[in-house]
Amino acid sequence: MRPARLGPGDVLRVGLGGLRARPARVVMSALGIAIGIATMVAVIGISSSSKAELLRRLDRFGTNLLRAEPGDTLFGDAAELPEAAPEMVRRIGPVTAVGATGATDATARRSDRVPEEVTQGIAVQAATPALLGTLGARTAAGRWLDAATGRYPGVVLGSEAARRLGLDRPGDQVWIGGRRFTVLGVLAPVELAPEIDRSALVGWDAARRHLGFGGHPTTVYERSADASVGDVRAVLARTIDPEHPEQVKVSRPSDALAAKAAAAGAFTGLLLGLGAVALLVGGVGVANTMVISVLERRREIGLRRSLGATRGQVRVQFLAESLLLSACGGAVGVVLGTGVTAGCALAKGWPPVVPVWALGGALAATLAIGTAAGLYPAARAARLSPTAALATV
């Protein structure tokens, strides 16, 4: 006589029946798988959401901004950019906008009652009228410097400088260089130039007249067509200082955001390793559950074998239970990991992103763990002879 074959529906029904008999143990075992899968999905999802936000910010602010600063001379002294550096950069063909700042020795304080040494890390800088448009920045309150206001004692505060001074309204007074300057506006955070956030910006002419500013820019910002960024970068230093181009440092601020994305990717790899460890622990829990299940169900195995079940059918039954147990944990883990990703992304204002490959990888990892955890218990159950199993009845 040929033994009856178990169809897919039969295998599923038999596997679910074995799991329903021990619900508490099944839940605890599946929880280990769920934690591992949820950790891996959440790590990948949060990292992908963070990178999507960085790319969105790069698209918004552009990658075509270059920054030129003075380096060091041959003898190690601090170099200076020529006074005409902004005008010289403006003559480069693909350049569309140029702005500059120049450092001063003045300090910004809430009033003359505050000691001069208490600067709160706020730099007082001269700024050209074109700086705001070049950086793609905007004012959160008030107005920016222009050709008229830049000649008088007015100041525009960066977002962090305004917070440290406790000033957020145009018309307030700031003590700079031994006299009061009127706050004309407060800037919103400048993503590509965080040094501006910690600065008090005064007009170029006002800095010369009231703060002893010599007119040499300390930072020149320029924007050019996207396709020409590399070409402009190659000639920028020589254009600013033809005699000593090696004393000019040129950088692209958007590279810092790109580096941040790369650093986040490296950190993601570490967290994925921790998630893999949690998943491995969950797999050991599943294997332990299945081994104990074989020991407890010797009578059932013996009865099935005596009624004609083959070794292969017994092996398939226990392997199906292991796969179903892992699949339940994996499904819960995917839901939890996706929920954590969505919650974290929405809380930080990021676009929630969970890559499809991450969900597919979670499913594959679940099935692999279920198979590996069920192979030994299934083989052990199949090796039991009917007589030895029924001897315990």
Protein backbone atom coordinates (compact mmCIF):
# COMPACT_ATOMS: atom_id res chain seq x y z
CA MET A 1 0.00 0.00 0.00
CA ARG A 2 1.20 3.49 -0.84
CA PRO A 3 0.90 6.06 1.98
CA ALA A 4 -1.42 9.02 1.43
CA ARG A 5 0.26 12.23 0.39
CA LEU A 6 -0.06 15.44 2.41
CA GLY A 7 -1.16 18.39 0.31
CA PRO A 8 -0.16 21.99 1.09
CA GLY A 9 -3.48 22.55 2.87
CA ASP A 10 -2.93 19.48 5.00
CA VAL A 11 0.59 20.54 5.93
CA LEU A 12 -0.65 24.02 6.89
CA ARG A 13 -3.51 22.61 8.96
CA VAL A 14 -1.30 20.11 10.79
CA GLY A 15 1.37 22.80 11.46
CA LEU A 16 -1.16 25.28 12.84
CA GLY A 17 -2.69 22.55 15.00
CA GLY A 18 0.67 21.90 16.64
CA LEU A 19 1.15 25.62 17.36
CA ARG A 20 -2.34 26.12 18.77
CA ALA A 21 -1.74 23.41 21.34
CA ARG A 22 0.97 25.51 23.06
CA PRO A 23 -0.01 29.19 22.61
CA ALA A 24 2.03 30.70 25.45
CA ARG A 25 5.25 29.03 24.37
CA VAL A 26 4.59 29.93 20.74
CA VAL A 27 4.06 33.61 21.60
CA MET A 28 7.27 33.83 23.61
CA SER A 29 9.28 32.14 20.85
CA ALA A 30 7.77 34.27 18.12
CA LEU A 31 8.54 37.37 20.18
CA GLY A 32 12.27 36.79 19.80
CA ILE A 33 11.94 36.63 16.02
CA ALA A 34 9.67 39.69 16.05
CA ILE A 35 12.20 41.76 18.03
CA GLY A 36 15.04 40.85 15.67
CA ILE A 37 13.05 41.57 12.51
CA ALA A 38 11.57 44.79 13.95
CA THR A 39 15.05 46.02 14.88
CA MET A 40 16.44 45.38 11.42
CA VAL A 41 13.46 46.89 9.57
CA ALA A 42 13.40 49.95 11.85
CA VAL A 43 17.14 50.53 11.51
CA ILE A 44 16.99 50.31 7.72
CA GLY A 45 13.81 52.38 7.57
CA ILE A 46 15.05 55.17 9.86
CA SER A 47 18.38 55.30 8.02
CA SER A 48 16.61 55.45 4.65
CA SER A 49 14.26 58.16 5.92
CA SER A 50 17.20 60.18 7.21
CA LYS A 51 19.01 59.87 3.89
CA ALA A 52 15.85 60.84 2.01
CA GLU A 53 15.61 63.96 4.19
CA LEU A 54 19.26 64.81 3.53
CA LEU A 55 18.75 64.42 -0.21
CA ARG A 56 15.64 66.57 -0.01
CA ARG A 57 17.61 69.25 1.82
CA LEU A 58 20.41 69.03 -0.75
CA ASP A 59 17.86 69.45 -3.54
CA ARG A 60 16.36 72.44 -1.74
CA PHE A 61 19.63 74.23 -0.96
CA GLY A 62 21.57 73.02 -3.98
CA THR A 63 25.04 71.52 -4.35
CA ASN A 64 26.34 74.41 -6.45
CA LEU A 65 27.51 76.59 -3.55
CA LEU A 66 31.27 77.00 -3.11
CA ARG A 67 33.06 78.68 -0.20
CA ALA A 68 36.51 80.26 -0.35
CA GLU A 69 38.50 81.13 2.79
CA PRO A 70 42.08 82.26 3.47
CA GLY A 71 44.57 79.56 4.36
CA ASP A 72 48.11 79.95 5.68
CA THR A 73 51.14 81.60 4.16
CA LEU A 74 54.40 79.82 3.45
CA PHE A 75 55.63 80.82 6.92
CA GLY A 76 52.52 79.62 8.73
CA ASP A 77 50.89 83.01 9.22
CA ALA A 78 47.22 83.59 8.47
CA ALA A 79 46.68 84.72 4.89
CA GLU A 80 44.26 87.42 3.73
CA LEU A 81 41.91 87.47 0.79
CA PRO A 82 42.18 90.56 -1.45
CA GLU A 83 39.58 93.25 -0.89
CA ALA A 84 38.44 92.88 -4.49
CA ALA A 85 37.90 89.11 -4.16
CA PRO A 86 34.06 89.22 -4.46
CA GLU A 87 34.26 91.37 -7.60
CA MET A 88 36.90 89.13 -9.12
CA VAL A 89 34.79 86.02 -8.50
CA ARG A 90 31.76 87.72 -10.03
CA ARG A 91 33.65 87.97 -13.33
CA ILE A 92 33.86 84.16 -13.70
CA GLY A 93 31.46 83.31 -16.51
CA PRO A 94 29.25 80.57 -14.96
CA VAL A 95 29.00 82.36 -11.58
CA THR A 96 25.45 83.57 -10.90
CA ALA A 97 25.74 85.04 -7.37
CA VAL A 98 28.51 86.13 -5.00
CA GLY A 99 28.33 87.08 -1.34
CA ALA A 100 30.99 87.67 1.28
CA THR A 101 31.54 88.11 5.00
CA GLY A 102 34.42 89.74 6.82
CA ALA A 103 35.41 89.13 10.43
CA THR A 104 35.75 92.04 12.85
CA ASP A 105 37.25 92.31 16.33
CA ALA A 106 34.01 93.65 17.82
CA THR A 107 31.77 91.76 20.23
CA ALA A 108 27.98 91.63 20.37
CA ARG A 109 26.37 92.00 23.80
CA ARG A 110 22.89 92.60 25.05
CA SER A 111 23.94 95.90 26.60
CA ASP A 112 27.02 97.76 27.80
CA ARG A 113 26.38 96.31 31.27
CA VAL A 114 27.46 92.87 30.09
CA PRO A 115 31.24 92.29 30.49
CA GLU A 116 33.14 92.55 27.22
CA GLU A 117 34.62 89.07 27.61
CA VAL A 118 31.15 87.49 27.70
CA THR A 119 30.75 87.03 23.94
CA GLN A 120 28.54 83.89 24.05
CA GLY A 121 30.37 82.66 20.97
CA ILE A 122 28.78 85.28 18.70
CA ALA A 123 30.96 86.59 15.88
CA VAL A 124 30.43 90.09 14.51
CA GLN A 125 30.90 90.05 10.73
CA ALA A 126 30.52 92.49 7.87
CA ALA A 127 28.23 91.18 5.13
CA THR A 128 27.53 92.16 1.54
CA PRO A 129 23.92 92.75 0.42
CA ALA A 130 24.08 89.76 -1.96
CA LEU A 131 24.96 87.30 0.81
CA LEU A 132 21.36 86.36 1.63
CA GLY A 133 20.47 85.39 -1.94
CA THR A 134 23.76 83.61 -2.50
CA LEU A 135 23.24 81.35 0.50
CA GLY A 136 19.58 80.78 -0.34
CA ALA A 137 18.72 81.97 3.17
CA ARG A 138 15.67 83.89 4.37
CA THR A 139 14.72 86.16 7.23
CA ALA A 140 12.46 84.82 9.96
CA ALA A 141 11.64 88.36 11.07
CA GLY A 142 12.38 91.86 9.82
CA ARG A 143 14.52 92.58 6.76
CA TRP A 144 17.98 91.98 5.35
CA LEU A 145 20.78 94.48 4.81
CA ASP A 146 20.72 96.49 1.60
CA ALA A 147 22.76 99.30 0.06
CA ALA A 148 20.95 101.88 2.23
CA THR A 149 20.74 100.16 5.63
CA GLY A 150 24.24 98.71 5.24
CA ARG A 151 25.71 102.18 5.70
CA TYR A 152 24.20 102.75 9.15
CA PRO A 153 24.51 100.98 12.55
CA GLY A 154 22.01 98.22 11.88
CA VAL A 155 22.50 94.50 12.44
CA VAL A 156 20.90 91.26 11.28
CA LEU A 157 21.21 88.39 13.76
CA GLY A 158 21.68 84.76 12.88
CA SER A 159 19.14 82.38 14.41
CA GLU A 160 21.49 81.09 17.11
CA ALA A 161 22.91 84.54 17.87
CA ALA A 162 19.38 85.87 18.39
CA ARG A 163 18.58 83.01 20.73
CA ARG A 164 21.72 83.56 22.81
CA LEU A 165 21.09 87.29 23.07
CA GLY A 166 17.41 86.79 23.84
CA LEU A 167 16.37 89.06 20.96
CA ASP A 168 13.85 88.10 18.31
CA ARG A 169 12.18 91.37 17.23
CA PRO A 170 13.34 94.07 14.83
CA GLY A 171 13.92 97.33 16.66
CA ASP A 172 15.76 95.82 19.61
CA GLN A 173 19.18 97.22 20.49
CA VAL A 174 22.52 95.35 20.56
CA TRP A 175 25.78 96.74 21.98
CA ILE A 176 28.48 96.29 19.31
CA GLY A 177 31.87 97.95 19.20
CA GLY A 178 31.09 100.53 21.87
CA ARG A 179 27.76 101.71 20.45
CA ARG A 180 24.20 100.55 19.97
CA PHE A 181 23.15 98.83 16.76
CA THR A 182 19.49 98.42 15.86
CA VAL A 183 18.28 94.93 15.00
CA LEU A 184 16.94 95.04 11.44
CA GLY A 185 16.06 91.35 11.18
CA VAL A 186 16.61 87.80 12.36
CA LEU A 187 17.61 85.03 9.96
CA ALA A 188 16.11 81.56 9.76
CA PRO A 189 18.69 78.75 10.19
CA VAL A 190 21.10 78.55 7.26
CA GLU A 191 21.71 74.87 6.54
CA LEU A 192 24.75 75.22 4.28
CA ALA A 193 26.47 77.92 6.34
CA PRO A 194 25.92 77.20 10.06
CA GLU A 195 28.57 79.80 10.94
CA ILE A 196 26.07 82.47 9.87
CA ASP A 197 23.63 81.25 12.53
CA ARG A 198 26.13 82.26 15.23
CA SER A 199 26.90 85.68 13.73
CA ALA A 200 25.77 89.26 14.07
CA LEU A 201 25.91 90.68 10.55
CA VAL A 202 26.41 94.39 9.87
CA GLY A 203 26.71 96.25 6.58
CA TRP A 204 30.09 96.38 4.82
CA ASP A 205 30.26 100.17 4.93
CA ALA A 206 28.98 100.33 8.52
CA ALA A 207 31.67 97.86 9.61
CA ARG A 208 34.35 100.03 8.04
CA ARG A 209 32.98 103.22 9.61
CA HIS A 210 32.11 102.04 13.12
CA LEU A 211 34.03 98.80 13.80
CA GLY A 212 37.44 99.38 12.23
CA PHE A 213 36.90 96.72 9.58
CA GLY A 214 39.75 96.69 7.04
CA GLY A 215 37.69 95.51 4.08
CA HIS A 216 39.35 92.11 3.55
CA PRO A 217 36.69 89.35 3.25
CA THR A 218 37.25 86.24 5.31
CA THR A 219 34.74 84.08 3.44
CA VAL A 220 33.49 84.37 -0.14
CA TYR A 221 30.41 82.37 -1.15
CA GLU A 222 29.48 81.85 -4.79
CA ARG A 223 26.87 79.97 -6.77
CA SER A 224 27.22 78.83 -10.34
CA ALA A 225 25.39 76.59 -12.78
CA ASP A 226 25.28 72.98 -11.58
CA ALA A 227 27.14 71.71 -14.62
CA SER A 228 29.95 74.21 -14.07
CA VAL A 229 30.68 73.69 -10.37
CA GLY A 230 33.77 71.59 -11.06
CA ASP A 231 35.17 74.08 -13.55
CA VAL A 232 34.54 77.04 -11.25
CA ARG A 233 36.10 75.22 -8.32
CA ALA A 234 39.24 74.57 -10.38
CA VAL A 235 39.79 78.29 -11.12
CA LEU A 236 38.31 79.91 -8.00
CA ALA A 237 41.47 80.07 -5.90
CA ARG A 238 43.58 81.44 -8.77
CA THR A 239 40.90 84.02 -9.58
CA ILE A 240 40.73 85.28 -5.98
CA ASP A 241 44.49 85.47 -5.46
CA PRO A 242 46.41 85.04 -8.74
CA GLU A 243 49.80 85.47 -7.04
CA HIS A 244 49.21 82.98 -4.20
CA PRO A 245 46.36 80.60 -5.09
CA GLU A 246 47.73 78.03 -2.64
CA GLN A 247 46.74 80.39 0.19
CA VAL A 248 43.03 80.08 -0.66
CA LYS A 249 40.97 77.17 0.64
CA VAL A 250 37.95 76.21 -1.47
CA SER A 251 35.24 73.88 -0.19
CA ARG A 252 31.69 72.88 -1.04
CA PRO A 253 29.33 73.13 1.98
CA SER A 254 26.98 70.46 0.62
CA ASP A 255 29.81 67.93 1.01
CA ALA A 256 29.23 68.09 4.78
CA LEU A 257 25.66 66.85 4.32
CA ALA A 258 26.86 64.09 2.02
CA ALA A 259 29.46 63.07 4.62
CA LYS A 260 26.72 63.02 7.23
CA ALA A 261 24.74 60.60 5.08
CA ALA A 262 27.80 58.36 4.71
CA ALA A 263 28.41 58.42 8.47
CA ALA A 264 24.77 57.50 9.07
CA GLY A 265 25.22 54.56 6.70
CA ALA A 266 28.21 53.29 8.68
CA PHE A 267 26.27 53.57 11.93
CA THR A 268 23.38 51.72 10.30
CA GLY A 269 25.69 48.77 9.61
CA LEU A 270 26.50 48.52 13.32
CA LEU A 271 22.83 48.58 14.31
CA LEU A 272 22.02 45.99 11.67
CA GLY A 273 24.60 43.73 13.28
CA LEU A 274 22.84 44.11 16.63
CA GLY A 275 19.52 43.32 14.94
CA ALA A 276 21.06 40.20 13.39
CA VAL A 277 22.21 39.07 16.85
CA ALA A 278 18.67 39.56 18.19
CA LEU A 279 17.32 37.58 15.24
CA LEU A 280 19.82 34.78 15.90
CA VAL A 281 18.75 34.65 19.55
CA GLY A 282 15.15 34.44 18.38
CA GLY A 283 16.06 31.56 16.08
CA VAL A 284 17.67 29.70 18.99
CA GLY A 285 14.44 30.20 20.92
CA VAL A 286 12.42 28.70 18.06
CA ALA A 287 14.77 25.72 17.85
CA ASN A 288 14.50 25.18 21.60
CA THR A 289 10.70 25.30 21.39
CA MET A 290 10.63 22.76 18.58
CA VAL A 291 13.02 20.35 20.35
CA ILE A 292 10.88 20.45 23.51
CA SER A 293 7.80 19.97 21.34
CA VAL A 294 9.29 16.78 19.88
CA LEU A 295 10.02 15.42 23.35
CA GLU A 296 6.53 16.25 24.61
CA ARG A 297 4.77 14.82 21.55
CA ARG A 298 6.42 11.42 21.33
CA ARG A 299 3.03 9.74 21.77
CA GLU A 300 1.53 11.76 18.91
CA ILE A 301 4.50 10.96 16.69
CA GLY A 302 4.28 7.25 17.51
CA LEU A 303 0.55 7.20 16.85
CA ARG A 304 0.96 8.94 13.49
CA ARG A 305 3.74 6.59 12.47
CA SER A 306 1.69 3.53 13.46
CA LEU A 307 -1.21 4.82 11.37
CA GLY A 308 0.99 5.00 8.27
CA ALA A 309 2.72 8.39 8.36
CA THR A 310 6.14 8.24 6.77
CA ARG A 311 9.33 9.72 8.14
CA GLY A 312 9.15 12.42 5.48
CA GLN A 313 5.62 13.41 6.49
CA VAL A 314 6.62 13.71 10.14
CA ARG A 315 9.66 15.73 9.11
CA VAL A 316 7.52 18.05 6.98
CA GLN A 317 5.02 18.49 9.83
CA PHE A 318 7.59 19.77 12.31
CA LEU A 319 9.44 21.82 9.70
CA ALA A 320 6.11 23.46 8.79
CA GLU A 321 5.50 24.30 12.45
CA SER A 322 8.92 25.90 12.71
CA LEU A 323 8.37 27.95 9.54
CA LEU A 324 4.91 29.07 10.65
CA LEU A 325 6.23 30.05 14.06
CA SER A 326 9.02 32.11 12.50
CA ALA A 327 6.68 33.61 9.91
CA CYS A 328 4.30 34.80 12.63
CA GLY A 329 7.16 36.46 14.48
CA GLY A 330 8.52 37.94 11.25
CA ALA A 331 5.14 39.40 10.26
CA VAL A 332 4.75 41.03 13.66
CA GLY A 333 8.33 42.31 13.44
CA VAL A 334 7.77 43.86 10.01
CA VAL A 335 4.65 45.66 11.27
CA LEU A 336 6.46 46.88 14.40
CA GLY A 337 9.55 47.99 12.48
CA THR A 338 7.47 49.84 9.88
CA GLY A 339 5.46 51.52 12.63
CA VAL A 340 8.59 52.61 14.49
CA THR A 341 10.07 53.99 11.26
CA ALA A 342 6.90 55.92 10.42
CA GLY A 343 6.59 57.30 13.94
CA CYS A 344 10.22 58.41 14.15
CA ALA A 345 10.18 59.95 10.67
CA LEU A 346 6.95 61.86 11.23
CA ALA A 347 8.14 63.10 14.63
CA LYS A 348 11.26 64.59 13.01
CA GLY A 349 9.53 65.84 9.88
CA TRP A 350 11.23 63.33 7.59
CA PRO A 351 9.60 61.47 4.71
CA PRO A 352 8.93 57.92 6.01
CA VAL A 353 10.78 55.44 3.78
CA VAL A 354 10.98 51.66 4.17
CA PRO A 355 12.76 50.10 1.16
CA VAL A 356 11.02 47.17 -0.49
CA TRP A 357 14.26 45.22 -0.38
CA ALA A 358 14.27 45.56 3.40
CA LEU A 359 10.84 43.93 3.65
CA GLY A 360 11.93 41.21 1.23
CA GLY A 361 15.13 40.69 3.21
CA ALA A 362 13.14 40.43 6.44
CA LEU A 363 10.91 37.75 4.88
CA ALA A 364 13.92 35.84 3.58
CA ALA A 365 15.69 36.06 6.95
CA THR A 366 12.54 34.82 8.70
CA LEU A 367 12.22 31.80 6.43
CA ALA A 368 15.93 31.04 6.71
CA ILE A 369 15.82 31.19 10.51
CA GLY A 370 12.65 29.05 10.59
CA THR A 371 14.20 26.44 8.33
CA ALA A 372 17.48 26.33 10.24
CA ALA A 373 15.71 26.17 13.59
CA GLY A 374 13.36 23.38 12.47
CA LEU A 375 15.74 21.07 10.66
CA TYR A 376 17.18 19.29 13.69
CA PRO A 377 13.88 18.90 15.61
CA ALA A 378 12.17 17.68 12.42
CA ALA A 379 14.92 15.15 11.75
CA ARG A 380 14.82 13.97 15.36
CA ALA A 381 11.05 13.50 15.22
CA ALA A 382 11.31 11.55 11.96
CA ARG A 383 13.88 9.17 13.47
CA LEU A 384 11.53 8.05 16.26
CA SER A 385 10.27 4.54 15.65
CA PRO A 386 6.55 3.86 16.32
CA THR A 387 7.30 1.20 18.96
CA ALA A 388 9.69 3.42 20.95
CA ALA A 389 7.30 6.33 20.79
CA LEU A 390 4.24 4.31 21.80
CA ALA A 391 6.14 2.68 24.66
CA THR A 392 5.53 5.87 26.65
CA VAL A 393 1.72 5.64 26.24
